[in-house]
């Protein structure tokens, strides 16, 4: 099993199209593709350090919120966005406790009209943290609430 987590890449199907995300914290770069008709709030992990500068599509942006494990950035509109960031000092990888592999076909995804994202105690115990579940514990970005059915 891998003992560190320094880069992530994945896609999540939604009714509006795929949300594609990749990040390499050692290089300080990433990319986020947001489907047409949606917007996203990007969060970057602090990795036990502090982020000093973030560029999105070549333009410097300010943090909208600074938390203990992540910084939040202003909402982004649909499209492909490239981002770069810098840490102060050494970074620490979170401990990987299990293999992280989720594969779902696009035909099993639809908009969550029943719980509207209030998933606590209703859906799985781990995957919910990827997109807009807990405002204090973001991993990656927050986009339109979706459910796997």
N, C-alpha and C. Protein backbone atom coordinates (compact mmCIF):
# COMPACT_ATOMS: atom_id res chain seq x y z
N UNK A 1 0.84 -1.18 0.00
CA UNK A 1 0.00 0.00 0.00
C UNK A 1 0.88 1.25 0.00
N UNK A 2 0.44 2.29 -0.63
CA UNK A 2 1.14 3.57 -0.66
C UNK A 2 1.08 4.18 0.73
N UNK A 3 2.20 4.77 1.19
CA UNK A 3 2.19 5.34 2.53
C UNK A 3 2.10 6.87 2.56
N UNK A 4 1.99 7.50 1.39
CA UNK A 4 1.79 8.94 1.35
C UNK A 4 0.83 9.30 0.22
N UNK A 5 0.27 10.47 0.33
CA UNK A 5 -0.70 10.93 -0.66
C UNK A 5 -0.33 12.35 -1.07
N UNK A 6 0.44 12.45 -2.16
CA UNK A 6 0.92 13.75 -2.62
C UNK A 6 0.30 14.20 -3.93
N UNK A 7 -0.37 13.29 -4.63
CA UNK A 7 -1.02 13.64 -5.89
C UNK A 7 -2.33 12.86 -6.00
N UNK A 8 -3.34 13.51 -6.56
CA UNK A 8 -4.65 12.90 -6.74
C UNK A 8 -5.17 13.28 -8.12
N UNK A 9 -5.83 12.34 -8.77
CA UNK A 9 -6.47 12.61 -10.06
C UNK A 9 -7.75 11.80 -10.11
N UNK A 10 -8.84 12.42 -10.61
CA UNK A 10 -10.08 11.68 -10.71
C UNK A 10 -11.16 12.47 -11.41
N UNK A 11 -12.26 11.78 -11.66
CA UNK A 11 -13.42 12.39 -12.31
C UNK A 11 -14.67 11.87 -11.62
N UNK A 12 -15.64 12.75 -11.46
CA UNK A 12 -16.92 12.37 -10.88
C UNK A 12 -18.00 12.75 -11.88
N UNK A 13 -18.79 11.77 -12.33
CA UNK A 13 -19.87 12.10 -13.26
C UNK A 13 -21.01 12.81 -12.53
N UNK A 14 -21.60 13.80 -13.17
CA UNK A 14 -22.77 14.50 -12.64
C UNK A 14 -23.79 14.62 -13.76
N UNK A 15 -25.01 15.00 -13.45
CA UNK A 15 -26.01 15.19 -14.51
C UNK A 15 -25.60 16.24 -15.54
N UNK A 16 -24.69 17.15 -15.17
CA UNK A 16 -24.26 18.22 -16.07
C UNK A 16 -22.97 17.88 -16.82
N UNK A 17 -22.35 16.76 -16.50
CA UNK A 17 -21.07 16.37 -17.10
C UNK A 17 -20.06 16.04 -16.02
N UNK A 18 -18.89 15.59 -16.42
CA UNK A 18 -17.87 15.20 -15.45
C UNK A 18 -17.23 16.39 -14.76
N UNK A 19 -16.95 16.21 -13.47
CA UNK A 19 -16.07 17.10 -12.73
C UNK A 19 -14.72 16.39 -12.75
N UNK A 20 -13.72 17.01 -13.36
CA UNK A 20 -12.38 16.43 -13.43
C UNK A 20 -11.46 17.23 -12.53
N UNK A 21 -10.65 16.53 -11.74
CA UNK A 21 -9.78 17.21 -10.80
C UNK A 21 -8.45 16.48 -10.72
N UNK A 22 -7.38 17.23 -10.68
CA UNK A 22 -6.07 16.66 -10.41
C UNK A 22 -5.24 17.68 -9.66
N UNK A 23 -4.39 17.16 -8.78
CA UNK A 23 -3.53 18.03 -7.99
C UNK A 23 -2.25 17.28 -7.65
N UNK A 24 -1.15 18.00 -7.67
CA UNK A 24 0.14 17.47 -7.25
C UNK A 24 0.69 18.49 -6.23
N UNK A 25 0.62 18.15 -4.95
CA UNK A 25 1.02 19.11 -3.93
C UNK A 25 2.53 19.32 -3.87
N UNK A 26 3.31 18.33 -4.29
CA UNK A 26 4.76 18.52 -4.30
C UNK A 26 5.18 19.52 -5.37
N UNK A 27 4.52 19.50 -6.51
CA UNK A 27 4.81 20.45 -7.59
C UNK A 27 4.04 21.75 -7.41
N UNK A 28 2.96 21.73 -6.61
CA UNK A 28 2.14 22.93 -6.40
C UNK A 28 1.31 23.30 -7.61
N UNK A 29 0.77 22.30 -8.30
CA UNK A 29 -0.04 22.55 -9.50
C UNK A 29 -1.28 21.65 -9.51
N UNK A 30 -2.27 22.08 -10.28
CA UNK A 30 -3.46 21.26 -10.44
C UNK A 30 -4.35 21.80 -11.53
N UNK A 31 -5.43 21.06 -11.76
CA UNK A 31 -6.39 21.44 -12.80
C UNK A 31 -7.78 20.98 -12.35
N UNK A 32 -8.79 21.81 -12.61
CA UNK A 32 -10.17 21.50 -12.28
C UNK A 32 -11.04 21.84 -13.47
N UNK A 33 -11.84 20.87 -13.92
CA UNK A 33 -12.81 21.11 -14.99
C UNK A 33 -14.20 21.05 -14.38
N UNK A 34 -14.95 22.13 -14.58
CA UNK A 34 -16.29 22.28 -14.00
C UNK A 34 -17.30 22.23 -15.14
N UNK A 35 -18.34 21.39 -15.03
CA UNK A 35 -19.33 21.28 -16.11
C UNK A 35 -20.12 22.57 -16.34
N UNK A 36 -20.57 22.76 -17.56
CA UNK A 36 -21.42 23.90 -17.93
C UNK A 36 -22.68 23.88 -17.05
N UNK A 37 -23.10 25.04 -16.59
CA UNK A 37 -24.30 25.14 -15.77
C UNK A 37 -24.04 24.94 -14.29
N UNK A 38 -22.76 24.82 -13.90
CA UNK A 38 -22.41 24.66 -12.48
C UNK A 38 -21.26 25.60 -12.14
N UNK A 39 -20.95 25.68 -10.86
CA UNK A 39 -19.79 26.41 -10.40
C UNK A 39 -19.19 25.63 -9.25
N UNK A 40 -17.97 25.97 -8.87
CA UNK A 40 -17.29 25.21 -7.83
C UNK A 40 -16.49 26.13 -6.92
N UNK A 41 -16.31 25.68 -5.70
CA UNK A 41 -15.43 26.33 -4.75
C UNK A 41 -14.24 25.40 -4.56
N UNK A 42 -13.08 25.84 -4.95
CA UNK A 42 -11.87 25.03 -4.86
C UNK A 42 -11.24 25.20 -3.48
N UNK A 43 -10.87 24.06 -2.87
CA UNK A 43 -10.15 24.09 -1.62
C UNK A 43 -8.83 23.35 -1.80
N UNK A 44 -7.78 23.91 -1.25
CA UNK A 44 -6.46 23.31 -1.35
C UNK A 44 -6.01 22.86 0.04
N UNK A 45 -5.44 21.66 0.14
CA UNK A 45 -4.99 21.16 1.44
C UNK A 45 -3.74 21.88 1.92
N UNK A 46 -3.68 22.19 3.21
CA UNK A 46 -2.51 22.88 3.76
C UNK A 46 -1.36 21.92 4.03
N UNK A 47 -1.62 20.62 4.11
CA UNK A 47 -0.58 19.60 4.23
C UNK A 47 0.35 19.85 5.42
N UNK A 48 -0.21 20.32 6.53
CA UNK A 48 0.60 20.57 7.71
C UNK A 48 1.49 21.79 7.58
N UNK A 49 1.25 22.61 6.58
CA UNK A 49 2.07 23.79 6.32
C UNK A 49 1.15 24.99 6.16
N UNK A 50 1.56 25.97 5.37
CA UNK A 50 0.75 27.15 5.09
C UNK A 50 0.92 27.51 3.62
N UNK A 51 -0.17 27.84 2.97
CA UNK A 51 -0.13 28.25 1.57
C UNK A 51 0.00 29.77 1.52
N UNK A 52 0.95 30.26 0.72
CA UNK A 52 1.19 31.71 0.68
C UNK A 52 0.67 32.38 -0.58
N UNK A 53 0.57 31.65 -1.67
CA UNK A 53 0.14 32.27 -2.92
C UNK A 53 -0.60 31.24 -3.77
N UNK A 54 -1.69 31.70 -4.41
CA UNK A 54 -2.43 30.84 -5.33
C UNK A 54 -2.71 31.62 -6.61
N UNK A 55 -2.43 30.97 -7.74
CA UNK A 55 -2.76 31.53 -9.05
C UNK A 55 -3.80 30.61 -9.68
N UNK A 56 -4.88 31.19 -10.19
CA UNK A 56 -5.86 30.43 -10.95
C UNK A 56 -5.90 31.03 -12.34
N UNK A 57 -5.66 30.20 -13.34
CA UNK A 57 -5.59 30.65 -14.73
C UNK A 57 -4.63 31.84 -14.88
N UNK A 58 -3.52 31.77 -14.14
CA UNK A 58 -2.47 32.78 -14.25
C UNK A 58 -2.69 34.04 -13.44
N UNK A 59 -3.81 34.16 -12.71
CA UNK A 59 -4.10 35.36 -11.93
C UNK A 59 -4.10 35.04 -10.44
N UNK A 60 -3.45 35.89 -9.66
CA UNK A 60 -3.41 35.67 -8.22
C UNK A 60 -4.79 35.88 -7.60
N UNK A 61 -5.18 34.98 -6.69
CA UNK A 61 -6.46 35.09 -6.00
C UNK A 61 -6.23 35.06 -4.49
N UNK A 62 -7.15 35.65 -3.77
CA UNK A 62 -7.11 35.66 -2.31
C UNK A 62 -7.95 34.51 -1.77
N UNK A 63 -7.64 34.08 -0.56
CA UNK A 63 -8.42 33.04 0.08
C UNK A 63 -9.76 33.62 0.53
N UNK A 64 -10.83 32.85 0.38
CA UNK A 64 -12.12 33.27 0.92
C UNK A 64 -12.27 32.78 2.36
N UNK A 65 -11.51 31.74 2.73
CA UNK A 65 -11.54 31.20 4.09
C UNK A 65 -10.25 30.40 4.31
N UNK A 66 -9.71 30.49 5.52
CA UNK A 66 -8.54 29.71 5.88
C UNK A 66 -8.93 28.81 7.05
N UNK A 67 -8.82 27.50 6.84
CA UNK A 67 -9.13 26.54 7.88
C UNK A 67 -7.87 25.86 8.38
N UNK A 68 -8.02 24.93 9.30
CA UNK A 68 -6.85 24.26 9.86
C UNK A 68 -6.24 23.24 8.89
N UNK A 69 -7.04 22.72 7.95
CA UNK A 69 -6.52 21.72 7.02
C UNK A 69 -6.61 22.13 5.55
N UNK A 70 -7.35 23.20 5.25
CA UNK A 70 -7.56 23.62 3.86
C UNK A 70 -7.74 25.14 3.78
N UNK A 71 -7.46 25.68 2.61
CA UNK A 71 -7.84 27.06 2.31
C UNK A 71 -8.90 27.01 1.22
N UNK A 72 -9.90 27.87 1.34
CA UNK A 72 -10.96 27.97 0.34
C UNK A 72 -10.69 29.15 -0.57
N UNK A 73 -11.04 28.99 -1.83
CA UNK A 73 -10.84 30.04 -2.82
C UNK A 73 -12.19 30.50 -3.34
N UNK A 74 -12.26 31.67 -3.99
CA UNK A 74 -13.55 32.15 -4.51
C UNK A 74 -14.15 31.16 -5.51
N UNK A 75 -15.48 31.21 -5.66
CA UNK A 75 -16.17 30.31 -6.59
C UNK A 75 -15.68 30.50 -8.01
N UNK A 76 -15.62 29.37 -8.72
CA UNK A 76 -15.19 29.36 -10.11
C UNK A 76 -16.37 29.00 -11.00
N UNK A 77 -16.41 29.59 -12.17
CA UNK A 77 -17.45 29.27 -13.14
C UNK A 77 -17.06 28.03 -13.95
N UNK A 78 -17.98 27.56 -14.77
CA UNK A 78 -17.75 26.38 -15.60
C UNK A 78 -16.54 26.58 -16.51
N UNK A 79 -15.85 25.49 -16.80
CA UNK A 79 -14.71 25.53 -17.70
C UNK A 79 -13.52 24.81 -17.10
N UNK A 80 -12.41 24.82 -17.82
CA UNK A 80 -11.17 24.19 -17.37
C UNK A 80 -10.29 25.25 -16.73
N UNK A 81 -9.90 25.00 -15.49
CA UNK A 81 -9.09 25.96 -14.74
C UNK A 81 -7.78 25.29 -14.30
N UNK A 82 -6.68 25.97 -14.52
CA UNK A 82 -5.37 25.51 -14.03
C UNK A 82 -5.01 26.37 -12.82
N UNK A 83 -4.41 25.74 -11.83
CA UNK A 83 -4.02 26.49 -10.65
C UNK A 83 -2.62 26.11 -10.20
N UNK A 84 -1.98 27.05 -9.53
CA UNK A 84 -0.64 26.84 -8.97
C UNK A 84 -0.63 27.47 -7.58
N UNK A 85 0.18 26.90 -6.68
CA UNK A 85 0.21 27.39 -5.31
C UNK A 85 1.56 27.10 -4.69
N UNK A 86 1.88 27.83 -3.59
CA UNK A 86 3.15 27.68 -2.90
C UNK A 86 2.93 27.45 -1.42
N UNK A 87 3.71 26.53 -0.87
CA UNK A 87 3.70 26.28 0.57
C UNK A 87 4.89 26.96 1.21
N UNK A 88 4.77 27.32 2.49
CA UNK A 88 5.88 27.79 3.28
C UNK A 88 6.38 26.59 4.07
N UNK A 89 7.63 26.21 3.90
CA UNK A 89 8.19 25.08 4.65
C UNK A 89 7.80 23.73 4.08
N UNK A 90 8.16 22.70 4.83
CA UNK A 90 7.91 21.32 4.41
C UNK A 90 6.44 20.98 4.52
N UNK A 91 5.99 20.06 3.65
CA UNK A 91 4.61 19.59 3.70
C UNK A 91 4.59 18.15 4.20
N UNK A 92 3.46 17.77 4.80
CA UNK A 92 3.29 16.43 5.34
C UNK A 92 2.10 15.77 4.67
N UNK A 93 2.28 14.54 4.23
CA UNK A 93 1.20 13.79 3.60
C UNK A 93 0.25 13.25 4.67
N UNK A 94 -1.06 13.25 4.38
CA UNK A 94 -1.96 12.53 5.28
C UNK A 94 -1.65 11.04 5.21
N UNK A 95 -1.97 10.31 6.25
CA UNK A 95 -1.74 8.88 6.29
C UNK A 95 -2.81 8.18 5.45
N UNK A 96 -2.38 7.34 4.51
CA UNK A 96 -3.31 6.59 3.67
C UNK A 96 -3.73 5.35 4.45
N UNK A 97 -5.03 5.21 4.72
CA UNK A 97 -5.51 4.11 5.53
C UNK A 97 -6.11 2.98 4.72
N UNK A 98 -6.44 3.24 3.45
CA UNK A 98 -7.03 2.21 2.60
C UNK A 98 -6.82 2.61 1.15
N UNK A 99 -6.84 1.67 0.23
CA UNK A 99 -6.75 2.04 -1.19
C UNK A 99 -7.96 2.91 -1.55
N UNK A 100 -7.73 3.97 -2.30
CA UNK A 100 -8.82 4.87 -2.67
C UNK A 100 -9.11 4.68 -4.16
N UNK A 101 -10.05 3.82 -4.47
CA UNK A 101 -10.43 3.57 -5.86
C UNK A 101 -11.95 3.46 -5.91
N UNK A 102 -12.60 4.39 -6.57
CA UNK A 102 -14.05 4.36 -6.75
C UNK A 102 -14.32 4.46 -8.24
N UNK A 103 -15.09 3.56 -8.79
CA UNK A 103 -15.45 3.60 -10.20
C UNK A 103 -16.96 3.44 -10.33
N UNK A 104 -17.61 4.41 -10.93
CA UNK A 104 -19.05 4.39 -11.13
C UNK A 104 -19.33 4.79 -12.57
N UNK A 105 -20.29 4.15 -13.17
CA UNK A 105 -20.65 4.55 -14.53
C UNK A 105 -21.55 5.78 -14.47
N UNK A 106 -21.50 6.59 -15.51
CA UNK A 106 -22.29 7.81 -15.55
C UNK A 106 -23.78 7.54 -15.50
N UNK A 107 -24.20 6.38 -15.90
CA UNK A 107 -25.63 6.07 -15.89
C UNK A 107 -26.18 5.89 -14.48
N UNK A 108 -25.32 5.78 -13.47
CA UNK A 108 -25.80 5.59 -12.10
C UNK A 108 -25.84 6.89 -11.31
N UNK A 109 -25.68 8.02 -11.96
CA UNK A 109 -25.63 9.30 -11.27
C UNK A 109 -26.80 10.17 -11.69
N UNK A 110 -27.41 10.82 -10.70
CA UNK A 110 -28.47 11.79 -10.99
C UNK A 110 -28.45 12.85 -9.90
N UNK A 111 -29.16 13.93 -10.10
CA UNK A 111 -29.20 14.99 -9.11
C UNK A 111 -29.92 14.50 -7.86
N UNK A 112 -29.39 14.85 -6.70
CA UNK A 112 -29.95 14.43 -5.43
C UNK A 112 -31.09 15.38 -5.03
N UNK A 113 -32.31 15.05 -5.45
CA UNK A 113 -33.46 15.90 -5.14
C UNK A 113 -34.11 15.52 -3.82
N UNK A 114 -33.77 14.35 -3.27
CA UNK A 114 -34.39 13.90 -2.02
C UNK A 114 -33.71 14.52 -0.80
N UNK A 115 -32.40 14.33 -0.67
CA UNK A 115 -31.72 14.86 0.52
C UNK A 115 -31.08 16.21 0.24
N UNK A 116 -30.93 16.60 -1.01
CA UNK A 116 -30.32 17.86 -1.43
C UNK A 116 -28.97 18.08 -0.75
N UNK A 117 -28.20 16.99 -0.62
CA UNK A 117 -26.86 17.09 -0.06
C UNK A 117 -26.79 16.87 1.44
N UNK A 118 -27.92 16.74 2.12
CA UNK A 118 -27.91 16.45 3.55
C UNK A 118 -27.76 14.94 3.72
N UNK A 119 -26.55 14.45 3.54
CA UNK A 119 -26.29 13.01 3.41
C UNK A 119 -25.96 12.31 4.71
N UNK A 120 -25.72 13.05 5.76
CA UNK A 120 -25.24 12.44 7.00
C UNK A 120 -26.13 11.28 7.43
N UNK A 121 -25.52 10.11 7.55
CA UNK A 121 -26.25 8.92 7.97
C UNK A 121 -27.10 8.28 6.89
N UNK A 122 -27.06 8.83 5.65
CA UNK A 122 -27.91 8.30 4.59
C UNK A 122 -27.12 7.55 3.52
N UNK A 123 -25.88 7.99 3.24
CA UNK A 123 -25.05 7.37 2.22
C UNK A 123 -23.74 6.92 2.84
N UNK A 124 -22.86 6.34 2.04
CA UNK A 124 -21.59 5.77 2.48
C UNK A 124 -20.82 6.60 3.49
N UNK A 125 -19.83 5.97 4.09
CA UNK A 125 -19.09 6.62 5.16
C UNK A 125 -17.85 7.37 4.69
N UNK A 126 -17.39 7.20 3.44
CA UNK A 126 -16.14 7.83 3.03
C UNK A 126 -16.28 8.73 1.80
N UNK A 127 -16.93 8.29 0.75
CA UNK A 127 -16.98 9.04 -0.49
C UNK A 127 -17.63 10.39 -0.38
N UNK A 128 -18.49 10.58 0.61
CA UNK A 128 -19.20 11.85 0.76
C UNK A 128 -18.27 13.04 0.93
N UNK A 129 -17.07 12.83 1.42
CA UNK A 129 -16.17 13.95 1.72
C UNK A 129 -15.57 14.57 0.46
N UNK A 130 -15.70 13.92 -0.69
CA UNK A 130 -15.06 14.45 -1.90
C UNK A 130 -15.70 15.74 -2.40
N UNK A 131 -17.01 15.84 -2.34
CA UNK A 131 -17.66 17.01 -2.92
C UNK A 131 -18.75 17.57 -2.02
N UNK A 132 -18.48 18.71 -1.40
CA UNK A 132 -19.44 19.55 -0.69
C UNK A 132 -20.27 18.83 0.36
N UNK A 133 -19.64 18.08 1.24
CA UNK A 133 -20.42 17.47 2.30
C UNK A 133 -20.33 18.28 3.58
N UNK A 134 -19.15 18.43 4.12
CA UNK A 134 -18.97 19.09 5.40
C UNK A 134 -18.15 20.36 5.19
N UNK A 135 -18.74 21.51 5.43
CA UNK A 135 -18.09 22.80 5.14
C UNK A 135 -16.75 22.94 5.87
N UNK A 136 -16.49 22.19 6.93
CA UNK A 136 -15.23 22.29 7.66
C UNK A 136 -14.18 21.30 7.17
N UNK A 137 -14.57 20.27 6.43
CA UNK A 137 -13.64 19.19 6.08
C UNK A 137 -13.60 18.93 4.58
N UNK A 138 -13.40 19.94 3.76
CA UNK A 138 -13.38 19.75 2.31
C UNK A 138 -12.15 19.00 1.86
N UNK A 139 -12.31 18.19 0.84
CA UNK A 139 -11.18 17.54 0.18
C UNK A 139 -11.29 17.88 -1.30
N UNK A 140 -10.55 18.81 -1.79
CA UNK A 140 -10.55 19.10 -3.22
C UNK A 140 -11.39 20.28 -3.59
N UNK A 141 -12.66 20.06 -3.92
CA UNK A 141 -13.50 21.16 -4.35
C UNK A 141 -14.93 20.86 -3.98
N UNK A 142 -15.77 21.87 -4.07
CA UNK A 142 -17.18 21.68 -3.79
C UNK A 142 -17.97 22.04 -5.04
N UNK A 143 -18.84 21.19 -5.47
CA UNK A 143 -19.63 21.42 -6.66
C UNK A 143 -21.08 21.04 -6.38
N UNK A 144 -21.92 21.10 -7.38
CA UNK A 144 -23.32 20.76 -7.26
C UNK A 144 -23.49 19.43 -6.55
N UNK A 145 -24.43 19.36 -5.63
CA UNK A 145 -24.61 18.13 -4.85
C UNK A 145 -25.12 17.01 -5.75
N UNK A 146 -24.48 15.83 -5.65
CA UNK A 146 -24.84 14.69 -6.46
C UNK A 146 -24.98 13.46 -5.57
N UNK A 147 -25.62 12.46 -6.06
CA UNK A 147 -25.74 11.20 -5.33
C UNK A 147 -25.56 10.05 -6.30
N UNK A 148 -24.93 8.99 -5.82
CA UNK A 148 -24.80 7.78 -6.60
C UNK A 148 -26.00 6.89 -6.25
N UNK A 149 -26.68 6.42 -7.26
CA UNK A 149 -27.87 5.59 -7.01
C UNK A 149 -27.71 4.23 -7.62
